[in-house]
Amino acid sequence: LNNVFAEPTTAAAQILGGDFNIPRDVMEDWLANHHPHKMLVHGGHSCAGLTSMSSIDYFVIDRRLNTILGRAASWETVLATHRPISLQIWSQPGEAMVEVMAHPLKKKVVKR
């Protein structure tokens, strides 16, 4: 995530969503210590194991977007052990909001 957050972009704020394979509480602590301007948004348990459920699929967003957030959810599925996740965003009609960022360079090292 350090590499993604360090990538130059014209976007005013970022939303990253996916399977982070890191428990939600661990990621929240890491964000608070390394990127306090970011926050985690989840829609509940998203990964089913043999004996338990976990939340490793979620969104990391810029805190400035908190005022336009709608509902986050994880959806029932029969396709895999991971439930699809969604994030609702409220905006004004006709307002362009989405810019897709290219994948960051994997070998770039970000110094903090």
Protein backbone atom coordinates (compact mmCIF):
# COMPACT_ATOMS: atom_id res chain seq x y z
CA LEU A 1 0.00 0.00 0.00
CA ASN A 2 2.89 2.37 0.58
CA ASN A 3 3.70 2.13 -3.14
CA VAL A 4 0.10 2.76 -4.16
CA PHE A 5 -0.28 5.79 -1.89
CA ALA A 6 3.04 7.20 -3.14
CA GLU A 7 2.07 6.97 -6.83
CA PRO A 8 1.51 10.40 -8.36
CA THR A 9 -2.12 10.90 -9.33
CA THR A 10 -4.40 13.74 -10.28
CA ALA A 11 -7.15 12.26 -8.11
CA ALA A 12 -8.13 14.30 -5.09
CA ALA A 13 -8.68 11.11 -3.08
CA GLN A 14 -8.29 7.36 -3.53
CA ILE A 15 -10.46 4.29 -2.97
CA LEU A 16 -8.77 0.88 -2.98
CA GLY A 17 -10.83 -2.26 -2.71
CA GLY A 18 -9.95 -5.91 -2.67
CA ASP A 19 -8.77 -9.02 -0.90
CA PHE A 20 -5.98 -7.75 1.34
CA ASN A 21 -5.46 -11.08 3.19
CA ILE A 22 -4.94 -9.05 6.36
CA PRO A 23 -7.53 -9.07 9.16
CA ARG A 24 -9.51 -5.85 9.37
CA ASP A 25 -8.30 -4.87 12.87
CA VAL A 26 -4.64 -5.34 11.90
CA MET A 27 -5.08 -3.15 8.81
CA GLU A 28 -6.89 -0.47 10.83
CA ASP A 29 -3.96 -0.31 13.27
CA TRP A 30 -1.43 -0.16 10.42
CA LEU A 31 -3.34 2.63 8.67
CA ALA A 32 -3.58 4.64 11.89
CA ASN A 33 0.21 4.43 12.35
CA HIS A 34 1.36 4.83 8.73
CA HIS A 35 -1.43 6.58 6.80
CA PRO A 36 -3.71 8.37 9.29
CA HIS A 37 -5.50 10.21 6.45
CA LYS A 38 -6.85 6.84 5.21
CA MET A 39 -9.62 4.73 6.73
CA LEU A 40 -10.99 1.23 6.29
CA VAL A 41 -14.58 0.54 5.21
CA HIS A 42 -16.03 -2.96 5.28
CA GLY A 43 -19.40 -4.59 4.80
CA GLY A 44 -19.07 -7.45 7.26
CA HIS A 45 -17.57 -10.91 6.99
CA SER A 46 -16.33 -11.62 3.50
CA CYS A 47 -14.36 -14.86 3.69
CA ALA A 48 -15.71 -18.23 4.83
CA GLY A 49 -13.38 -20.91 6.15
CA LEU A 50 -14.25 -24.39 7.36
CA THR A 51 -14.88 -23.23 10.92
CA SER A 52 -14.95 -19.43 10.87
CA MET A 53 -15.64 -16.20 8.99
CA SER A 54 -13.28 -13.26 8.56
CA SER A 55 -13.14 -9.77 7.09
CA ILE A 56 -10.13 -9.62 4.77
CA ASP A 57 -11.95 -8.08 1.78
CA TYR A 58 -12.63 -4.37 2.27
CA PHE A 59 -11.98 -0.84 1.03
CA VAL A 60 -9.25 1.60 2.07
CA ILE A 61 -10.35 5.15 1.37
CA ASP A 62 -9.22 8.71 1.91
CA ARG A 63 -10.95 10.18 4.97
CA ARG A 64 -12.07 13.16 2.88
CA LEU A 65 -14.53 10.81 1.14
CA ASN A 66 -16.31 9.93 4.37
CA THR A 67 -19.08 12.46 3.65
CA ILE A 68 -20.09 10.79 0.36
CA LEU A 69 -20.04 7.19 1.52
CA GLY A 70 -23.20 5.19 1.29
CA ARG A 71 -23.47 1.56 2.30
CA ALA A 72 -20.69 -1.04 2.23
CA ALA A 73 -21.77 -4.67 1.89
CA SER A 74 -20.56 -8.20 1.34
CA TRP A 75 -22.84 -10.33 -0.81
CA GLU A 76 -23.86 -13.97 -0.61
CA THR A 77 -22.40 -16.12 -3.39
CA VAL A 78 -21.93 -19.76 -4.35
CA LEU A 79 -18.91 -19.02 -6.53
CA ALA A 80 -16.06 -19.09 -4.00
CA THR A 81 -15.09 -18.77 -0.35
CA HIS A 82 -14.87 -14.98 -0.73
CA ARG A 83 -18.02 -12.91 -0.90
CA PRO A 84 -18.07 -10.03 -3.38
CA ILE A 85 -17.89 -6.62 -1.68
CA SER A 86 -19.47 -3.34 -2.74
CA LEU A 87 -19.28 0.30 -1.73
CA GLN A 88 -21.99 2.84 -2.48
CA ILE A 89 -20.86 6.41 -3.16
CA TRP A 90 -23.20 9.42 -3.27
CA SER A 91 -22.49 12.18 -5.76
CA GLN A 92 -24.24 14.92 -7.69
CA PRO A 93 -25.73 14.01 -11.11
CA GLY A 94 -23.21 14.55 -13.88
CA GLU A 95 -20.26 14.82 -11.49
CA ALA A 96 -17.23 12.94 -12.84
CA MET A 97 -15.62 11.11 -9.93
CA VAL A 98 -13.70 8.08 -11.17
CA GLU A 99 -10.13 7.97 -12.40
CA VAL A 100 -8.51 4.57 -12.82
CA MET A 101 -4.95 4.43 -11.61
CA ALA A 102 -2.43 2.24 -13.41
CA HIS A 103 -0.85 -0.54 -11.40
CA PRO A 104 2.11 0.82 -9.43
CA LEU A 105 5.57 -0.45 -10.19
CA LYS A 106 6.20 -3.59 -8.12
CA LYS A 107 9.94 -3.03 -7.70
CA LYS A 108 9.75 0.59 -6.63
CA VAL A 109 10.80 1.08 -3.01
CA VAL A 110 9.09 3.82 -1.06
CA LYS A 111 11.10 5.29 1.80
CA ARG A 112 9.15 6.63 4.75
